[in-house]
N, C-alpha and C. Protein backbone atom coordinates (compact mmCIF):
# COMPACT_ATOMS: atom_id res chain seq x y z
N THR A 1 -0.95 -0.02 7.20
CA THR A 1 -0.78 0.46 6.05
C THR A 1 -1.93 0.33 5.52
N THR A 2 -2.43 -1.31 5.36
CA THR A 2 -3.70 -1.20 4.72
C THR A 2 -4.92 -0.95 5.23
N CYS A 3 -5.05 -0.35 6.34
CA CYS A 3 -6.05 0.20 6.99
C CYS A 3 -5.86 1.87 7.09
N MET A 4 -4.97 2.06 6.64
CA MET A 4 -4.61 3.49 6.38
C MET A 4 -5.45 4.49 5.58
N PRO A 5 -5.93 3.84 4.65
CA PRO A 5 -6.90 4.58 3.57
C PRO A 5 -8.37 4.81 4.50
N GLU A 6 -8.92 3.89 5.07
CA GLU A 6 -10.03 3.56 5.98
C GLU A 6 -9.83 4.90 6.93
N GLY A 7 -8.78 4.58 7.97
CA GLY A 7 -8.28 5.62 8.82
C GLY A 7 -8.57 7.07 8.14
N PHE A 8 -7.96 7.05 7.08
CA PHE A 8 -8.08 8.64 6.31
C PHE A 8 -9.41 8.77 6.22
N PHE A 9 -10.55 8.03 5.72
CA PHE A 9 -11.83 8.14 5.38
C PHE A 9 -12.27 8.67 6.78
N ALA A 10 -12.24 8.00 8.05
CA ALA A 10 -12.73 8.30 9.19
C ALA A 10 -12.79 9.55 9.71
N LEU A 11 -11.34 10.10 9.45
CA LEU A 11 -10.86 11.64 9.63
C LEU A 11 -11.53 12.51 8.74
N GLU A 12 -11.70 12.16 7.35
CA GLU A 12 -12.50 13.06 6.61
C GLU A 12 -13.80 13.34 7.05
N ALA A 13 -14.50 12.29 7.15
CA ALA A 13 -15.66 12.23 7.71
C ALA A 13 -16.14 13.12 8.77
N VAL A 14 -15.13 12.93 9.92
CA VAL A 14 -15.48 13.63 10.87
C VAL A 14 -15.21 15.00 10.61
N ARG A 15 -14.06 15.42 9.71
CA ARG A 15 -13.66 16.74 9.31
C ARG A 15 -15.21 17.49 8.49
N LEU A 16 -15.65 16.62 7.68
CA LEU A 16 -16.62 17.07 6.96
C LEU A 16 -18.30 17.36 7.64
N LEU A 17 -18.32 16.20 8.43
CA LEU A 17 -19.27 16.70 9.27
C LEU A 17 -19.02 17.73 10.31
N LYS A 18 -18.09 17.99 10.65
CA LYS A 18 -17.77 19.44 11.94
C LYS A 18 -18.06 20.68 10.86
N ALA A 19 -17.77 20.51 9.45
CA ALA A 19 -18.06 21.32 8.73
C ALA A 19 -19.25 21.55 8.31
N GLY A 20 -20.21 21.09 9.02
CA GLY A 20 -21.41 21.15 8.76
C GLY A 20 -22.34 20.37 7.53
N LYS A 21 -21.66 19.52 6.90
CA LYS A 21 -21.84 18.43 5.70
C LYS A 21 -22.93 17.52 6.32
N THR A 22 -23.68 17.30 5.45
CA THR A 22 -24.91 15.99 5.39
C THR A 22 -24.39 14.76 5.73
N ALA A 23 -24.83 13.93 6.16
CA ALA A 23 -24.17 12.45 5.79
C ALA A 23 -24.49 11.99 4.68
N GLU A 24 -25.20 12.43 3.85
CA GLU A 24 -25.26 12.09 2.46
C GLU A 24 -24.53 12.31 1.74
N GLU A 25 -23.86 13.99 2.15
CA GLU A 25 -22.74 14.34 1.35
C GLU A 25 -21.24 13.80 1.75
N VAL A 26 -21.08 13.48 3.18
CA VAL A 26 -19.89 12.73 3.63
C VAL A 26 -19.74 11.74 2.60
N VAL A 27 -21.06 10.77 2.63
CA VAL A 27 -20.99 9.21 2.02
C VAL A 27 -20.51 9.43 0.75
N ASP A 28 -21.10 10.41 -0.06
CA ASP A 28 -20.86 11.06 -1.50
C ASP A 28 -19.42 10.91 -1.79
N TYR A 29 -18.84 11.89 -0.96
CA TYR A 29 -17.59 12.44 -0.66
C TYR A 29 -16.54 11.33 -0.69
N LEU A 30 -16.78 10.39 0.25
CA LEU A 30 -15.93 9.02 0.76
C LEU A 30 -16.14 7.99 -0.53
N GLU A 31 -17.20 7.92 -1.27
CA GLU A 31 -17.28 7.22 -2.48
C GLU A 31 -16.61 7.84 -3.55
N ARG A 32 -16.27 9.11 -3.91
CA ARG A 32 -15.54 9.60 -4.83
C ARG A 32 -14.34 9.65 -4.50
N LEU A 33 -13.91 9.35 -3.25
CA LEU A 33 -12.43 9.33 -2.57
C LEU A 33 -11.63 7.94 -2.88
N LYS A 34 -12.72 7.02 -2.53
CA LYS A 34 -12.50 5.41 -2.64
C LYS A 34 -11.38 5.07 -3.80
N PRO A 35 -11.97 5.33 -5.24
CA PRO A 35 -11.00 5.03 -6.19
C PRO A 35 -9.54 5.98 -6.27
N ARG A 36 -9.32 6.53 -5.42
CA ARG A 36 -8.05 7.25 -5.21
C ARG A 36 -7.31 6.64 -4.08
N CYS A 37 -7.61 5.54 -3.89
CA CYS A 37 -6.77 4.67 -2.67
C CYS A 37 -5.84 3.73 -3.54
N GLU A 38 -4.72 3.60 -3.23
CA GLU A 38 -3.81 2.63 -3.46
C GLU A 38 -2.98 1.85 -2.35
N ILE A 39 -2.90 0.60 -2.31
CA ILE A 39 -1.80 -0.01 -1.42
C ILE A 39 -0.92 -0.90 -2.19
N LEU A 40 0.32 -0.72 -2.07
CA LEU A 40 1.50 -1.45 -2.77
C LEU A 40 2.08 -2.01 -1.66
N PHE A 41 2.20 -3.45 -1.76
CA PHE A 41 3.00 -4.25 -1.01
C PHE A 41 3.89 -5.09 -1.69
N GLY A 42 5.37 -5.30 -0.84
CA GLY A 42 6.12 -6.22 -1.68
C GLY A 42 6.22 -7.25 -0.47
N VAL A 43 6.04 -8.53 -0.83
CA VAL A 43 6.23 -9.70 0.27
C VAL A 43 7.22 -10.76 -0.32
N HIS A 44 7.58 -11.37 0.21
CA HIS A 44 8.74 -12.28 0.47
C HIS A 44 7.97 -13.82 -0.04
N SER A 45 6.85 -13.66 0.23
CA SER A 45 6.36 -15.57 -0.18
C SER A 45 4.82 -14.96 -0.21
N LEU A 46 4.34 -15.85 -1.08
CA LEU A 46 2.77 -15.86 -1.15
C LEU A 46 2.02 -16.74 -0.46
N THR A 47 2.60 -17.48 0.17
CA THR A 47 2.00 -18.58 1.00
C THR A 47 0.80 -18.23 1.85
N GLN A 48 1.06 -17.17 2.57
CA GLN A 48 -0.04 -16.80 3.28
C GLN A 48 -1.39 -16.33 2.44
N LEU A 49 -0.82 -15.49 1.57
CA LEU A 49 -2.03 -15.23 0.65
C LEU A 49 -3.06 -16.22 -0.16
N ILE A 50 -2.06 -17.42 -0.36
CA ILE A 50 -2.74 -18.51 -1.02
C ILE A 50 -3.62 -19.24 0.11
N LYS A 51 -3.00 -19.29 1.41
CA LYS A 51 -3.80 -19.90 2.46
C LYS A 51 -4.98 -19.26 2.95
N THR A 52 -5.10 -18.17 2.86
CA THR A 52 -6.03 -16.91 3.22
C THR A 52 -7.25 -16.68 2.09
N GLY A 53 -6.84 -17.19 0.84
CA GLY A 53 -7.89 -17.02 0.05
C GLY A 53 -7.67 -15.80 -0.68
N GLY A 54 -6.34 -15.06 -0.47
CA GLY A 54 -6.18 -13.76 -1.05
C GLY A 54 -5.85 -13.98 -2.59
N LEU A 55 -5.08 -15.13 -2.98
CA LEU A 55 -4.62 -15.60 -4.22
C LEU A 55 -5.10 -17.23 -4.34
N LEU A 56 -5.51 -17.24 -5.40
CA LEU A 56 -6.11 -18.48 -5.77
C LEU A 56 -5.58 -19.01 -7.28
N ARG A 57 -4.27 -18.94 -7.61
CA ARG A 57 -3.59 -18.98 -8.73
C ARG A 57 -2.63 -19.83 -8.26
N MET A 58 -2.32 -20.57 -9.54
CA MET A 58 -1.39 -21.99 -9.36
C MET A 58 0.16 -21.23 -9.43
N GLY A 59 -0.16 -20.13 -10.12
CA GLY A 59 1.27 -19.41 -10.40
C GLY A 59 1.87 -18.30 -9.13
N ALA A 60 0.79 -18.42 -8.27
CA ALA A 60 1.64 -17.90 -7.08
C ALA A 60 2.38 -19.16 -6.32
N ALA A 61 1.92 -20.35 -6.23
CA ALA A 61 2.54 -21.46 -5.59
C ALA A 61 4.00 -21.53 -6.41
N PHE A 62 3.81 -21.17 -7.50
CA PHE A 62 4.72 -21.67 -8.65
C PHE A 62 5.89 -20.55 -8.30
N ASN A 63 5.57 -19.12 -7.95
CA ASN A 63 6.50 -17.86 -7.53
C ASN A 63 7.02 -18.48 -6.34
N ASP A 64 6.38 -18.99 -5.19
CA ASP A 64 7.27 -19.36 -4.02
C ASP A 64 8.20 -20.38 -4.52
N TRP A 65 7.84 -21.36 -5.11
CA TRP A 65 8.72 -22.57 -5.42
C TRP A 65 10.14 -21.83 -5.95
N LEU A 66 9.99 -20.86 -6.64
CA LEU A 66 11.08 -20.34 -7.36
C LEU A 66 11.92 -19.62 -6.46
N GLY A 67 11.36 -19.14 -5.31
CA GLY A 67 11.84 -18.52 -4.59
C GLY A 67 11.87 -16.72 -4.79
N LEU A 68 10.88 -16.39 -5.53
CA LEU A 68 10.73 -15.36 -6.06
C LEU A 68 9.91 -14.15 -5.23
N LYS A 69 10.26 -13.00 -4.94
CA LYS A 69 9.41 -12.13 -4.29
C LYS A 69 8.39 -11.34 -5.02
N THR A 70 7.22 -10.78 -4.31
CA THR A 70 6.40 -10.07 -5.25
C THR A 70 5.97 -8.94 -4.84
N VAL A 71 5.68 -8.03 -6.05
CA VAL A 71 5.22 -6.83 -5.63
C VAL A 71 3.68 -7.01 -5.93
N LEU A 72 2.67 -6.47 -4.98
CA LEU A 72 1.06 -6.63 -5.34
C LEU A 72 0.62 -5.11 -5.07
N ARG A 73 -0.44 -4.75 -5.92
CA ARG A 73 -1.26 -3.64 -5.82
C ARG A 73 -2.22 -4.01 -5.70
N PHE A 74 -3.10 -3.22 -4.29
CA PHE A 74 -4.55 -3.36 -3.94
C PHE A 74 -4.95 -1.89 -3.77
N ASN A 75 -6.23 -2.08 -4.93
CA ASN A 75 -7.19 -0.84 -4.78
C ASN A 75 -8.53 -1.21 -4.96
N HIS A 76 -9.44 -0.70 -5.31
CA HIS A 76 -10.91 -0.51 -5.45
C HIS A 76 -11.12 -1.57 -6.68
N LYS A 77 -10.37 -1.94 -7.21
CA LYS A 77 -10.48 -2.87 -8.48
C LYS A 77 -10.31 -4.10 -7.90
N GLY A 78 -9.43 -4.36 -6.72
CA GLY A 78 -8.89 -5.69 -6.37
C GLY A 78 -7.60 -5.84 -6.40
N THR A 79 -6.91 -7.10 -6.48
CA THR A 79 -5.47 -7.27 -6.31
C THR A 79 -4.73 -7.29 -7.84
N SER A 80 -3.85 -6.85 -7.52
CA SER A 80 -2.90 -6.94 -8.87
C SER A 80 -1.34 -7.12 -8.82
N HIS A 81 -1.05 -8.13 -9.74
CA HIS A 81 0.43 -8.38 -9.76
C HIS A 81 1.24 -7.29 -10.13
N LEU A 82 2.10 -7.06 -9.71
CA LEU A 82 3.14 -5.88 -10.54
C LEU A 82 4.58 -6.52 -10.79
N ALA A 83 5.04 -7.31 -9.66
CA ALA A 83 6.36 -7.70 -10.25
C ALA A 83 6.64 -9.01 -9.47
N SER A 84 7.60 -9.94 -10.18
CA SER A 84 8.11 -10.89 -9.61
C SER A 84 9.88 -11.05 -9.38
N VAL A 85 10.32 -10.90 -8.56
CA VAL A 85 11.61 -10.27 -8.51
C VAL A 85 12.91 -11.22 -7.49
N GLN A 86 13.73 -11.18 -7.96
CA GLN A 86 14.83 -12.33 -7.19
C GLN A 86 15.29 -11.76 -5.77
N ASP A 87 15.40 -10.83 -5.58
CA ASP A 87 15.94 -10.16 -4.18
C ASP A 87 15.40 -8.82 -3.42
N ASP A 88 15.86 -8.39 -2.28
CA ASP A 88 15.20 -7.58 -1.73
C ASP A 88 15.19 -6.12 -2.37
N GLU A 89 16.76 -6.13 -2.95
CA GLU A 89 16.75 -4.61 -3.84
C GLU A 89 15.95 -4.65 -5.04
N GLN A 90 15.79 -5.73 -5.54
CA GLN A 90 15.02 -5.43 -6.56
C GLN A 90 13.49 -5.30 -6.09
N LEU A 91 12.91 -5.60 -5.19
CA LEU A 91 11.71 -5.59 -4.55
C LEU A 91 11.63 -4.07 -4.16
N ILE A 92 12.56 -3.52 -3.84
CA ILE A 92 12.36 -2.24 -3.43
C ILE A 92 12.31 -1.32 -4.34
N GLU A 93 13.29 -1.48 -5.57
CA GLU A 93 13.24 -0.92 -6.96
C GLU A 93 11.89 -0.90 -7.44
N ARG A 94 11.43 -2.24 -7.50
CA ARG A 94 9.91 -2.37 -8.18
C ARG A 94 9.04 -1.41 -7.77
N LEU A 95 8.92 -1.57 -5.87
CA LEU A 95 8.07 -0.77 -5.37
C LEU A 95 8.13 0.71 -5.55
N ILE A 96 9.33 1.11 -5.78
CA ILE A 96 9.58 2.76 -6.16
C ILE A 96 9.04 2.98 -7.61
N GLU A 97 9.26 2.17 -8.49
CA GLU A 97 9.03 2.49 -9.77
C GLU A 97 7.54 2.50 -9.94
N ALA A 98 6.42 1.41 -9.04
CA ALA A 98 5.39 1.75 -8.95
C ALA A 98 4.65 3.05 -8.37
N ILE A 99 5.58 3.41 -7.26
CA ILE A 99 4.86 4.80 -6.81
C ILE A 99 5.16 5.84 -7.68
N ILE A 100 6.43 5.69 -8.48
CA ILE A 100 6.70 6.76 -9.05
C ILE A 100 5.92 6.97 -10.41
N VAL A 101 5.45 5.99 -10.91
CA VAL A 101 4.04 5.92 -11.95
C VAL A 101 2.91 6.32 -11.41
N MET A 102 2.35 6.11 -10.03
CA MET A 102 1.18 6.24 -9.68
C MET A 102 1.15 7.93 -9.35
N THR A 103 2.01 8.18 -9.01
CA THR A 103 2.14 9.75 -8.40
C THR A 103 2.84 10.32 -9.40
N ALA A 104 3.07 10.05 -10.55
CA ALA A 104 3.53 10.98 -11.63
C ALA A 104 2.83 12.28 -12.14
N ASP A 105 1.60 12.09 -12.17
CA ASP A 105 0.80 13.51 -12.57
C ASP A 105 0.16 14.21 -11.33
N LYS A 106 0.37 13.66 -10.25
CA LYS A 106 -0.14 14.18 -8.78
C LYS A 106 0.65 15.18 -8.11
N ASN A 107 0.11 16.09 -7.44
CA ASN A 107 0.55 17.22 -6.57
C ASN A 107 0.67 16.37 -5.55
N PRO A 108 2.24 16.36 -4.92
CA PRO A 108 2.57 15.74 -3.71
C PRO A 108 1.91 16.37 -2.47
N ALA A 109 1.67 17.43 -2.56
CA ALA A 109 0.92 18.15 -1.51
C ALA A 109 -0.56 17.53 -1.24
N HIS A 110 -1.42 16.85 -2.25
CA HIS A 110 -2.64 16.19 -2.15
C HIS A 110 -2.55 14.68 -1.64
N LEU A 111 -1.28 14.23 -1.76
CA LEU A 111 -1.11 12.82 -1.46
C LEU A 111 -1.07 12.71 -0.18
N VAL A 112 -1.34 11.65 0.62
CA VAL A 112 -1.55 11.21 2.02
C VAL A 112 -0.89 9.77 2.00
N MET A 113 0.38 9.60 2.55
CA MET A 113 0.92 8.48 2.45
C MET A 113 1.41 7.93 3.76
N SER A 114 1.38 6.62 3.63
CA SER A 114 1.87 5.89 5.08
C SER A 114 2.55 4.62 4.70
N GLY A 115 3.79 4.54 5.03
CA GLY A 115 4.63 3.44 4.94
C GLY A 115 4.34 2.26 6.11
N GLY A 116 4.57 1.02 5.62
CA GLY A 116 4.41 -0.01 6.60
C GLY A 116 5.46 -1.03 6.42
N TYR A 117 5.24 -2.04 7.19
CA TYR A 117 6.14 -3.33 7.34
C TYR A 117 5.82 -4.19 8.31
N CYS A 118 6.09 -5.71 7.98
CA CYS A 118 5.90 -6.46 8.60
C CYS A 118 7.12 -7.56 8.80
N GLY A 119 7.40 -7.53 10.17
CA GLY A 119 8.71 -8.68 10.24
C GLY A 119 9.97 -7.92 10.33
N ASP A 120 10.45 -7.30 9.11
CA ASP A 120 11.77 -6.51 8.87
C ASP A 120 11.74 -5.17 8.73
N TYR A 121 12.01 -4.60 9.84
CA TYR A 121 12.21 -3.08 10.23
C TYR A 121 13.17 -2.65 9.07
N GLN A 122 14.44 -3.26 9.29
CA GLN A 122 15.73 -2.88 8.43
C GLN A 122 15.25 -2.63 6.90
N LEU A 123 14.47 -3.65 6.58
CA LEU A 123 13.99 -3.51 5.02
C LEU A 123 13.40 -2.61 4.61
N TYR A 124 12.14 -2.12 5.74
CA TYR A 124 11.43 -0.79 5.53
C TYR A 124 12.20 0.45 5.52
N GLN A 125 13.42 0.34 6.19
CA GLN A 125 14.13 1.62 6.38
C GLN A 125 14.73 1.69 5.06
N ARG A 126 15.33 0.64 4.75
CA ARG A 126 15.96 0.63 3.40
C ARG A 126 15.14 1.07 2.13
N PHE A 127 13.81 0.76 2.18
CA PHE A 127 12.75 1.20 1.07
C PHE A 127 12.51 2.64 1.32
N ALA A 128 12.40 3.11 2.73
CA ALA A 128 11.88 4.59 2.74
C ALA A 128 13.08 5.73 2.57
N ARG A 129 13.99 5.31 2.78
CA ARG A 129 15.43 6.17 2.46
C ARG A 129 15.67 6.25 1.10
N LYS A 130 15.76 4.90 0.12
CA LYS A 130 15.64 4.91 -1.34
C LYS A 130 14.54 5.68 -1.79
N LEU A 131 13.35 5.42 -1.55
CA LEU A 131 12.08 6.04 -1.72
C LEU A 131 12.46 7.79 -1.91
N HIS A 132 12.99 8.16 -0.62
CA HIS A 132 13.03 9.43 -0.48
C HIS A 132 14.17 10.12 -1.42
N ALA A 133 15.16 9.59 -1.40
CA ALA A 133 16.47 9.72 -2.30
C ALA A 133 15.79 9.71 -3.82
N LYS A 134 15.18 9.03 -4.19
CA LYS A 134 14.44 8.83 -5.77
C LYS A 134 13.57 9.96 -5.98
N THR A 135 12.57 10.03 -5.14
CA THR A 135 11.60 10.75 -5.21
C THR A 135 11.21 12.11 -4.49
N GLY A 136 11.99 12.51 -3.29
CA GLY A 136 11.58 13.13 -2.18
C GLY A 136 10.59 12.82 -1.27
N LEU A 137 9.68 11.86 -1.53
CA LEU A 137 8.81 11.64 -0.65
C LEU A 137 9.17 11.20 0.68
N HIS A 138 8.75 11.49 1.67
CA HIS A 138 9.06 10.89 2.94
C HIS A 138 8.05 10.40 3.65
N LEU A 139 8.19 9.02 4.36
CA LEU A 139 7.53 8.05 4.82
C LEU A 139 7.53 8.19 6.39
N GLU A 140 8.02 8.91 6.92
CA GLU A 140 8.56 9.02 8.42
C GLU A 140 9.26 7.54 8.91
N HIS A 141 8.69 6.99 9.98
CA HIS A 141 9.51 5.85 10.46
C HIS A 141 8.64 4.73 10.10
N GLY A 142 7.58 4.59 9.55
CA GLY A 142 6.60 3.55 9.13
C GLY A 142 6.04 3.33 10.41
N ILE A 143 5.15 2.25 10.09
CA ILE A 143 4.27 1.56 11.15
C ILE A 143 4.02 -0.09 10.90
N PRO A 144 4.40 -0.82 11.70
CA PRO A 144 4.28 -2.04 11.52
C PRO A 144 2.36 -2.72 11.40
N VAL A 145 2.39 -3.30 10.31
CA VAL A 145 1.01 -3.63 10.36
C VAL A 145 0.50 -4.43 11.35
N SER A 146 -0.64 -4.25 11.30
CA SER A 146 -1.31 -5.19 12.35
C SER A 146 -1.26 -6.77 12.53
N PRO A 147 -1.36 -7.76 13.50
CA PRO A 147 -1.05 -9.11 13.50
C PRO A 147 -1.81 -9.65 12.51
N VAL A 148 -3.10 -8.96 12.20
CA VAL A 148 -4.30 -9.76 11.68
C VAL A 148 -3.90 -9.51 10.03
N VAL A 149 -3.12 -8.14 9.71
CA VAL A 149 -2.69 -8.32 8.24
C VAL A 149 -1.59 -8.88 8.15
N GLY A 150 -0.65 -8.83 9.00
CA GLY A 150 0.41 -9.83 9.06
C GLY A 150 0.40 -11.33 8.93
N ALA A 151 -0.56 -11.95 9.49
CA ALA A 151 -1.07 -13.19 9.12
C ALA A 151 -1.76 -13.35 7.65
N TYR A 152 -2.06 -12.31 7.15
CA TYR A 152 -2.66 -12.23 5.62
C TYR A 152 -1.42 -12.14 4.97
N LEU A 153 -0.68 -11.24 4.98
CA LEU A 153 0.61 -11.00 4.17
C LEU A 153 1.71 -11.85 4.37
N GLY A 154 2.10 -12.77 5.58
CA GLY A 154 3.02 -13.06 5.64
C GLY A 154 4.59 -12.33 6.00
N LEU A 155 5.50 -12.97 6.87
CA LEU A 155 6.34 -12.18 7.16
C LEU A 155 7.27 -11.31 6.29
N ASN A 156 8.11 -10.46 6.60
CA ASN A 156 9.08 -9.54 5.78
C ASN A 156 8.41 -8.53 4.47
N ALA A 157 7.18 -8.32 4.86
CA ALA A 157 6.65 -7.40 3.55
C ALA A 157 7.00 -5.89 4.12
N VAL A 158 6.63 -5.37 2.96
CA VAL A 158 7.10 -3.94 2.96
C VAL A 158 6.15 -3.18 1.86
N GLY A 159 5.66 -1.84 2.26
CA GLY A 159 4.79 -1.11 1.43
C GLY A 159 4.51 0.29 1.76
N VAL A 160 3.35 0.68 1.00
CA VAL A 160 2.92 1.84 1.20
C VAL A 160 1.49 2.12 0.97
N GLY A 161 0.60 2.91 1.76
CA GLY A 161 -0.45 3.10 1.78
C GLY A 161 -0.91 4.43 0.87
N ILE A 162 -1.35 4.77 -0.33
CA ILE A 162 -1.74 6.28 -0.79
C ILE A 162 -2.97 6.35 -0.78
N VAL A 163 -3.27 7.92 -0.44
CA VAL A 163 -4.61 8.52 -0.84
C VAL A 163 -4.58 9.79 -1.47
N GLU A 164 -4.88 10.16 -2.62
CA GLU A 164 -4.82 11.16 -3.42
C GLU A 164 -6.30 12.02 -2.84
N ARG A 165 -6.02 13.35 -2.15
CA ARG A 165 -6.97 13.87 -1.73
C ARG A 165 -7.94 14.54 -2.77
N LEU A 166 -9.07 14.65 -2.60
CA LEU A 166 -9.93 15.34 -3.60
C LEU A 166 -9.83 16.90 -3.78
N PRO A 167 -9.60 17.38 -4.72
CA PRO A 167 -9.85 18.94 -4.89
C PRO A 167 -10.84 19.55 -4.08
N GLU A 168 -10.69 20.51 -3.41
CA GLU A 168 -11.76 21.56 -2.57
C GLU A 168 -12.67 22.00 -3.48
């Protein structure tokens, strides 16, 4: 999921080059597309992100000490904390609420979305079913994150990558 926007960028670059666009035009297009990418992940622990340098705040360690799960947003501006919750159901609810807010003024046909998970496919399935029931958005079966991303996020993470296509 975290690599989904990059994969989409590569496919878009190939599409544009085949359509006769110059390398400069493709780079310009991709630069304009970059701010339209979001990744949301719910994680059970911030320990891995602290160890890998992704988070350097005392609040992250305190969050883990309390046993809280965390919803994070990654985009071109960096990483931001969206919520700290007590259980998986709240984690799923906060992820869905964030997706609803992020997609509220967007045409669903212009969104490229990919769901992903690390460690707990059952949690991902609950998330995808509930997202579909509340929004009509469908994430298919989801993709396990790569081992590298899993080492960064830790176990039992679930999330979604979203890219809003540029108008033609």
